[in-house]
């Protein structure tokens, strides 16, 4: 690795464990490259809509999270289609789905707009 990031598999396992401790349903939908795969989070809001968060870097190089749908959640089928296209484009990504009505997730880092 060329930066101080933790291996992706460690970050994902820790996030899934944190969800488990908080009694929030979460599952690994796609396992990517263990050390440096990018994480995509599907936030299932349990009303037929989802928000997608993707890892990104801000203008200063800090790792954070960018909302795919800044105007608001989209139907779950749209989120699933985006995830399918993303995996085809980059099979090294990790995809985690979290089910929470308010969109809570354990991943740390600033929101990037």
N, C-alpha and C. Protein backbone atom coordinates (compact mmCIF):
# COMPACT_ATOMS: atom_id res chain seq x y z
N UNK A 1 0.84 -1.18 0.00
CA UNK A 1 0.00 0.00 0.00
C UNK A 1 0.88 1.24 0.00
N UNK A 2 0.42 2.27 -0.67
CA UNK A 2 1.20 3.48 -0.77
C UNK A 2 0.71 4.58 0.17
N UNK A 3 -0.23 4.27 1.06
CA UNK A 3 -0.66 5.25 2.06
C UNK A 3 -0.88 4.52 3.38
N UNK A 4 -1.40 5.22 4.36
CA UNK A 4 -1.54 4.64 5.69
C UNK A 4 -2.91 4.01 5.94
N UNK A 5 -3.63 3.69 4.88
CA UNK A 5 -4.94 3.05 5.03
C UNK A 5 -4.80 1.64 5.58
N UNK A 6 -5.78 1.25 6.37
CA UNK A 6 -5.86 -0.13 6.81
C UNK A 6 -6.31 -0.99 5.63
N UNK A 7 -5.97 -2.28 5.61
CA UNK A 7 -6.45 -3.15 4.54
C UNK A 7 -7.98 -3.13 4.48
N UNK A 8 -8.51 -3.14 3.28
CA UNK A 8 -9.96 -3.04 3.09
C UNK A 8 -10.70 -4.16 3.79
N UNK A 9 -10.18 -5.39 3.73
CA UNK A 9 -10.90 -6.49 4.38
C UNK A 9 -11.03 -6.26 5.89
N UNK A 10 -10.03 -5.66 6.50
CA UNK A 10 -10.09 -5.34 7.92
C UNK A 10 -11.16 -4.29 8.20
N UNK A 11 -11.19 -3.24 7.39
CA UNK A 11 -12.17 -2.16 7.56
C UNK A 11 -13.58 -2.71 7.41
N UNK A 12 -13.81 -3.53 6.40
CA UNK A 12 -15.14 -4.09 6.16
C UNK A 12 -15.55 -5.02 7.30
N UNK A 13 -14.65 -5.90 7.72
CA UNK A 13 -14.99 -6.81 8.82
C UNK A 13 -15.32 -6.03 10.09
N UNK A 14 -14.55 -4.98 10.37
CA UNK A 14 -14.82 -4.16 11.56
C UNK A 14 -16.18 -3.46 11.46
N UNK A 15 -16.51 -2.96 10.28
CA UNK A 15 -17.80 -2.29 10.09
C UNK A 15 -18.96 -3.28 10.26
N UNK A 16 -18.81 -4.47 9.70
CA UNK A 16 -19.87 -5.48 9.85
C UNK A 16 -20.03 -5.87 11.31
N UNK A 17 -18.93 -5.96 12.03
CA UNK A 17 -18.99 -6.28 13.45
C UNK A 17 -19.68 -5.16 14.23
N UNK A 18 -19.37 -3.92 13.89
CA UNK A 18 -20.01 -2.78 14.56
C UNK A 18 -21.52 -2.77 14.30
N UNK A 19 -21.92 -3.10 13.08
CA UNK A 19 -23.35 -3.21 12.77
C UNK A 19 -23.98 -4.30 13.61
N UNK A 20 -23.29 -5.44 13.72
CA UNK A 20 -23.80 -6.55 14.51
C UNK A 20 -23.99 -6.12 15.97
N UNK A 21 -23.02 -5.42 16.53
CA UNK A 21 -23.12 -4.96 17.92
C UNK A 21 -24.25 -3.96 18.11
N UNK A 22 -24.56 -3.19 17.07
CA UNK A 22 -25.64 -2.20 17.14
C UNK A 22 -26.99 -2.80 16.74
N UNK A 23 -27.01 -4.10 16.46
CA UNK A 23 -28.23 -4.80 16.02
C UNK A 23 -28.80 -4.20 14.74
N UNK A 24 -27.92 -3.81 13.83
CA UNK A 24 -28.30 -3.27 12.54
C UNK A 24 -27.95 -4.31 11.48
N UNK A 25 -28.93 -4.79 10.72
CA UNK A 25 -28.64 -5.79 9.69
C UNK A 25 -27.66 -5.25 8.65
N UNK A 26 -26.65 -6.04 8.38
CA UNK A 26 -25.65 -5.68 7.37
C UNK A 26 -25.10 -6.95 6.75
N UNK A 27 -24.75 -6.85 5.47
CA UNK A 27 -24.20 -8.03 4.80
C UNK A 27 -23.19 -7.62 3.75
N UNK A 28 -22.27 -8.51 3.51
CA UNK A 28 -21.28 -8.32 2.47
C UNK A 28 -21.88 -8.85 1.17
N UNK A 29 -22.07 -7.97 0.18
CA UNK A 29 -22.66 -8.37 -1.10
C UNK A 29 -21.60 -8.76 -2.12
N UNK A 30 -20.41 -8.19 -2.00
CA UNK A 30 -19.33 -8.51 -2.94
C UNK A 30 -17.99 -8.29 -2.24
N UNK A 31 -17.15 -9.32 -2.32
CA UNK A 31 -15.83 -9.27 -1.72
C UNK A 31 -14.82 -8.89 -2.79
N UNK A 32 -14.09 -7.83 -2.54
CA UNK A 32 -13.13 -7.33 -3.51
C UNK A 32 -11.70 -7.62 -3.10
N UNK A 33 -10.79 -6.81 -3.59
CA UNK A 33 -9.36 -6.98 -3.32
C UNK A 33 -9.09 -6.70 -1.85
N UNK A 34 -8.40 -7.61 -1.19
CA UNK A 34 -8.27 -7.59 0.27
C UNK A 34 -7.56 -6.36 0.82
N UNK A 35 -6.54 -5.89 0.14
CA UNK A 35 -5.74 -4.81 0.70
C UNK A 35 -6.17 -3.42 0.29
N UNK A 36 -6.59 -3.26 -0.95
CA UNK A 36 -6.82 -1.89 -1.42
C UNK A 36 -8.10 -1.70 -2.23
N UNK A 37 -9.03 -2.63 -2.15
CA UNK A 37 -10.28 -2.46 -2.87
C UNK A 37 -11.09 -1.30 -2.30
N UNK A 38 -11.78 -0.60 -3.17
CA UNK A 38 -12.64 0.51 -2.77
C UNK A 38 -13.94 -0.05 -2.19
N UNK A 39 -14.51 0.64 -1.22
CA UNK A 39 -15.75 0.21 -0.58
C UNK A 39 -16.92 1.01 -1.13
N UNK A 40 -17.99 0.30 -1.47
CA UNK A 40 -19.26 0.89 -1.85
C UNK A 40 -20.28 0.45 -0.80
N UNK A 41 -21.03 1.39 -0.25
CA UNK A 41 -22.02 1.07 0.78
C UNK A 41 -23.41 1.33 0.22
N UNK A 42 -24.24 0.30 0.27
CA UNK A 42 -25.65 0.43 -0.12
C UNK A 42 -26.45 0.59 1.18
N UNK A 43 -26.98 1.78 1.40
CA UNK A 43 -27.80 2.05 2.57
C UNK A 43 -29.26 1.80 2.21
N UNK A 44 -29.79 0.68 2.64
CA UNK A 44 -31.17 0.33 2.38
C UNK A 44 -32.03 0.98 3.46
N UNK A 45 -32.89 1.91 3.05
CA UNK A 45 -33.70 2.67 4.00
C UNK A 45 -35.01 1.97 4.37
N UNK A 46 -35.18 0.75 3.89
CA UNK A 46 -36.31 -0.12 4.25
C UNK A 46 -37.67 0.42 3.82
N UNK A 47 -37.67 1.31 2.85
CA UNK A 47 -38.92 1.82 2.30
C UNK A 47 -38.95 1.68 0.78
N UNK A 48 -38.08 0.81 0.27
CA UNK A 48 -37.97 0.62 -1.18
C UNK A 48 -36.94 1.53 -1.82
N UNK A 49 -36.28 2.38 -1.01
CA UNK A 49 -35.26 3.27 -1.55
C UNK A 49 -33.91 3.01 -0.90
N UNK A 50 -32.87 3.47 -1.58
CA UNK A 50 -31.51 3.28 -1.09
C UNK A 50 -30.68 4.52 -1.40
N UNK A 51 -29.61 4.66 -0.65
CA UNK A 51 -28.57 5.64 -0.93
C UNK A 51 -27.28 4.85 -1.11
N UNK A 52 -26.43 5.30 -1.99
CA UNK A 52 -25.14 4.67 -2.22
C UNK A 52 -24.05 5.64 -1.77
N UNK A 53 -23.12 5.13 -0.98
CA UNK A 53 -21.93 5.87 -0.59
C UNK A 53 -20.73 5.20 -1.24
N UNK A 54 -19.84 5.99 -1.80
CA UNK A 54 -18.61 5.45 -2.36
C UNK A 54 -17.42 6.15 -1.72
N UNK A 55 -16.34 5.41 -1.55
CA UNK A 55 -15.13 6.01 -1.04
C UNK A 55 -14.58 6.96 -2.09
N UNK A 56 -14.10 8.09 -1.62
CA UNK A 56 -13.51 9.08 -2.52
C UNK A 56 -12.51 9.91 -1.72
N UNK A 57 -11.69 10.63 -2.42
CA UNK A 57 -10.74 11.53 -1.77
C UNK A 57 -11.18 12.97 -2.03
N UNK A 58 -11.01 13.80 -1.02
CA UNK A 58 -11.35 15.21 -1.19
C UNK A 58 -10.19 15.94 -1.86
N UNK A 59 -10.30 17.24 -2.01
CA UNK A 59 -9.29 18.04 -2.69
C UNK A 59 -7.93 18.01 -2.02
N UNK A 60 -7.90 17.64 -0.75
CA UNK A 60 -6.63 17.57 -0.02
C UNK A 60 -6.13 16.15 0.14
N UNK A 61 -6.79 15.20 -0.52
CA UNK A 61 -6.34 13.81 -0.50
C UNK A 61 -6.84 12.97 0.66
N UNK A 62 -7.74 13.53 1.48
CA UNK A 62 -8.28 12.77 2.61
C UNK A 62 -9.39 11.84 2.12
N UNK A 63 -9.40 10.64 2.67
CA UNK A 63 -10.40 9.65 2.31
C UNK A 63 -11.72 9.97 3.01
N UNK A 64 -12.82 9.95 2.26
CA UNK A 64 -14.14 10.22 2.82
C UNK A 64 -15.20 9.48 2.02
N UNK A 65 -16.43 9.96 2.12
CA UNK A 65 -17.57 9.27 1.51
C UNK A 65 -18.39 10.24 0.66
N UNK A 66 -18.68 9.84 -0.56
CA UNK A 66 -19.47 10.65 -1.48
C UNK A 66 -20.82 9.96 -1.71
N UNK A 67 -21.89 10.73 -1.58
CA UNK A 67 -23.23 10.20 -1.85
C UNK A 67 -23.44 10.16 -3.35
N UNK A 68 -23.87 9.01 -3.85
CA UNK A 68 -24.12 8.88 -5.27
C UNK A 68 -25.35 9.70 -5.68
N UNK A 69 -26.33 9.77 -4.80
CA UNK A 69 -27.58 10.48 -5.09
C UNK A 69 -27.71 11.68 -4.13
N UNK A 70 -27.06 12.81 -4.42
CA UNK A 70 -27.11 13.94 -3.49
C UNK A 70 -28.50 14.54 -3.32
N UNK A 71 -29.38 14.35 -4.29
CA UNK A 71 -30.74 14.91 -4.18
C UNK A 71 -31.66 14.03 -3.33
N UNK A 72 -31.20 12.85 -2.95
CA UNK A 72 -32.01 11.98 -2.12
C UNK A 72 -31.99 10.55 -2.61
N UNK A 73 -32.49 9.64 -1.80
CA UNK A 73 -32.47 8.22 -2.13
C UNK A 73 -33.21 7.92 -3.44
N UNK A 74 -32.82 6.81 -4.04
CA UNK A 74 -33.42 6.33 -5.29
C UNK A 74 -34.03 4.96 -5.05
N UNK A 75 -34.88 4.49 -5.97
CA UNK A 75 -35.43 3.14 -5.83
C UNK A 75 -34.31 2.09 -5.75
N UNK A 76 -34.57 1.04 -4.99
CA UNK A 76 -33.56 0.01 -4.78
C UNK A 76 -33.07 -0.59 -6.09
N UNK A 77 -33.92 -0.73 -7.07
CA UNK A 77 -33.50 -1.31 -8.36
C UNK A 77 -32.43 -0.44 -9.03
N UNK A 78 -32.51 0.89 -8.86
CA UNK A 78 -31.49 1.78 -9.41
C UNK A 78 -30.15 1.57 -8.70
N UNK A 79 -30.20 1.43 -7.38
CA UNK A 79 -28.98 1.19 -6.61
C UNK A 79 -28.36 -0.14 -7.01
N UNK A 80 -29.18 -1.18 -7.15
CA UNK A 80 -28.67 -2.49 -7.54
C UNK A 80 -28.05 -2.46 -8.94
N UNK A 81 -28.66 -1.73 -9.86
CA UNK A 81 -28.11 -1.61 -11.22
C UNK A 81 -26.76 -0.90 -11.18
N UNK A 82 -26.64 0.14 -10.37
CA UNK A 82 -25.37 0.85 -10.24
C UNK A 82 -24.29 -0.09 -9.70
N UNK A 83 -24.64 -0.87 -8.69
CA UNK A 83 -23.68 -1.80 -8.08
C UNK A 83 -23.24 -2.85 -9.10
N UNK A 84 -24.18 -3.41 -9.86
CA UNK A 84 -23.83 -4.39 -10.89
C UNK A 84 -22.85 -3.80 -11.90
N UNK A 85 -23.13 -2.58 -12.37
CA UNK A 85 -22.22 -1.93 -13.33
C UNK A 85 -20.85 -1.68 -12.70
N UNK A 86 -20.84 -1.29 -11.44
CA UNK A 86 -19.58 -1.01 -10.75
C UNK A 86 -18.72 -2.26 -10.63
N UNK A 87 -19.33 -3.39 -10.30
CA UNK A 87 -18.59 -4.64 -10.17
C UNK A 87 -18.04 -5.09 -11.52
N UNK A 88 -18.82 -4.92 -12.57
CA UNK A 88 -18.32 -5.27 -13.91
C UNK A 88 -17.14 -4.39 -14.30
N UNK A 89 -17.20 -3.12 -13.95
CA UNK A 89 -16.13 -2.17 -14.27
C UNK A 89 -14.89 -2.41 -13.41
N UNK A 90 -15.10 -2.74 -12.12
CA UNK A 90 -13.99 -2.94 -11.19
C UNK A 90 -14.33 -4.08 -10.23
N UNK A 91 -13.93 -5.31 -10.56
CA UNK A 91 -14.26 -6.45 -9.69
C UNK A 91 -13.55 -6.42 -8.33
N UNK A 92 -12.63 -5.47 -8.13
CA UNK A 92 -11.91 -5.37 -6.85
C UNK A 92 -12.67 -4.61 -5.78
N UNK A 93 -13.83 -4.00 -6.11
CA UNK A 93 -14.57 -3.24 -5.10
C UNK A 93 -15.24 -4.18 -4.10
N UNK A 94 -15.48 -3.64 -2.94
CA UNK A 94 -16.25 -4.32 -1.89
C UNK A 94 -17.61 -3.64 -1.83
N UNK A 95 -18.66 -4.43 -1.67
CA UNK A 95 -20.00 -3.86 -1.55
C UNK A 95 -20.63 -4.37 -0.26
N UNK A 96 -21.03 -3.42 0.58
CA UNK A 96 -21.67 -3.73 1.86
C UNK A 96 -23.06 -3.12 1.84
N UNK A 97 -24.06 -3.90 2.23
CA UNK A 97 -25.42 -3.38 2.36
C UNK A 97 -25.76 -3.27 3.84
N UNK A 98 -26.30 -2.13 4.21
CA UNK A 98 -26.73 -1.88 5.59
C UNK A 98 -28.19 -1.47 5.55
N UNK A 99 -29.00 -2.09 6.41
CA UNK A 99 -30.43 -1.77 6.47
C UNK A 99 -30.70 -0.92 7.70
N UNK A 100 -31.03 0.35 7.45
CA UNK A 100 -31.33 1.26 8.57
C UNK A 100 -32.20 2.40 8.05
N UNK A 101 -33.32 2.63 8.68
CA UNK A 101 -34.28 3.63 8.20
C UNK A 101 -33.71 5.05 8.13
N UNK A 102 -32.79 5.40 9.01
CA UNK A 102 -32.20 6.74 9.01
C UNK A 102 -30.88 6.81 8.24
N UNK A 103 -30.44 5.70 7.67
CA UNK A 103 -29.22 5.70 6.89
C UNK A 103 -27.94 5.65 7.70
N UNK A 104 -28.02 5.17 8.95
CA UNK A 104 -26.83 5.05 9.79
C UNK A 104 -25.85 4.06 9.16
N UNK A 105 -24.58 4.33 9.33
CA UNK A 105 -23.54 3.38 8.93
C UNK A 105 -22.31 3.63 9.80
N UNK A 106 -21.46 2.60 9.97
CA UNK A 106 -20.30 2.73 10.86
C UNK A 106 -19.02 3.25 10.18
N UNK A 107 -19.07 3.50 8.89
CA UNK A 107 -17.86 3.91 8.19
C UNK A 107 -17.49 5.35 8.53
N UNK A 108 -16.24 5.56 8.86
CA UNK A 108 -15.79 6.88 9.28
C UNK A 108 -15.17 7.64 8.13
N UNK A 109 -15.19 8.93 8.25
CA UNK A 109 -14.61 9.81 7.24
C UNK A 109 -15.59 10.90 6.89
N UNK A 110 -15.09 12.01 6.38
CA UNK A 110 -15.96 13.14 6.07
C UNK A 110 -16.84 12.88 4.84
N UNK A 111 -17.97 13.56 4.82
CA UNK A 111 -18.83 13.54 3.62
C UNK A 111 -18.18 14.42 2.57
N UNK A 112 -18.10 13.92 1.35
CA UNK A 112 -17.51 14.68 0.25
C UNK A 112 -18.63 15.00 -0.73
N UNK A 113 -18.81 16.29 -1.00
CA UNK A 113 -19.87 16.71 -1.92
C UNK A 113 -19.32 16.99 -3.29
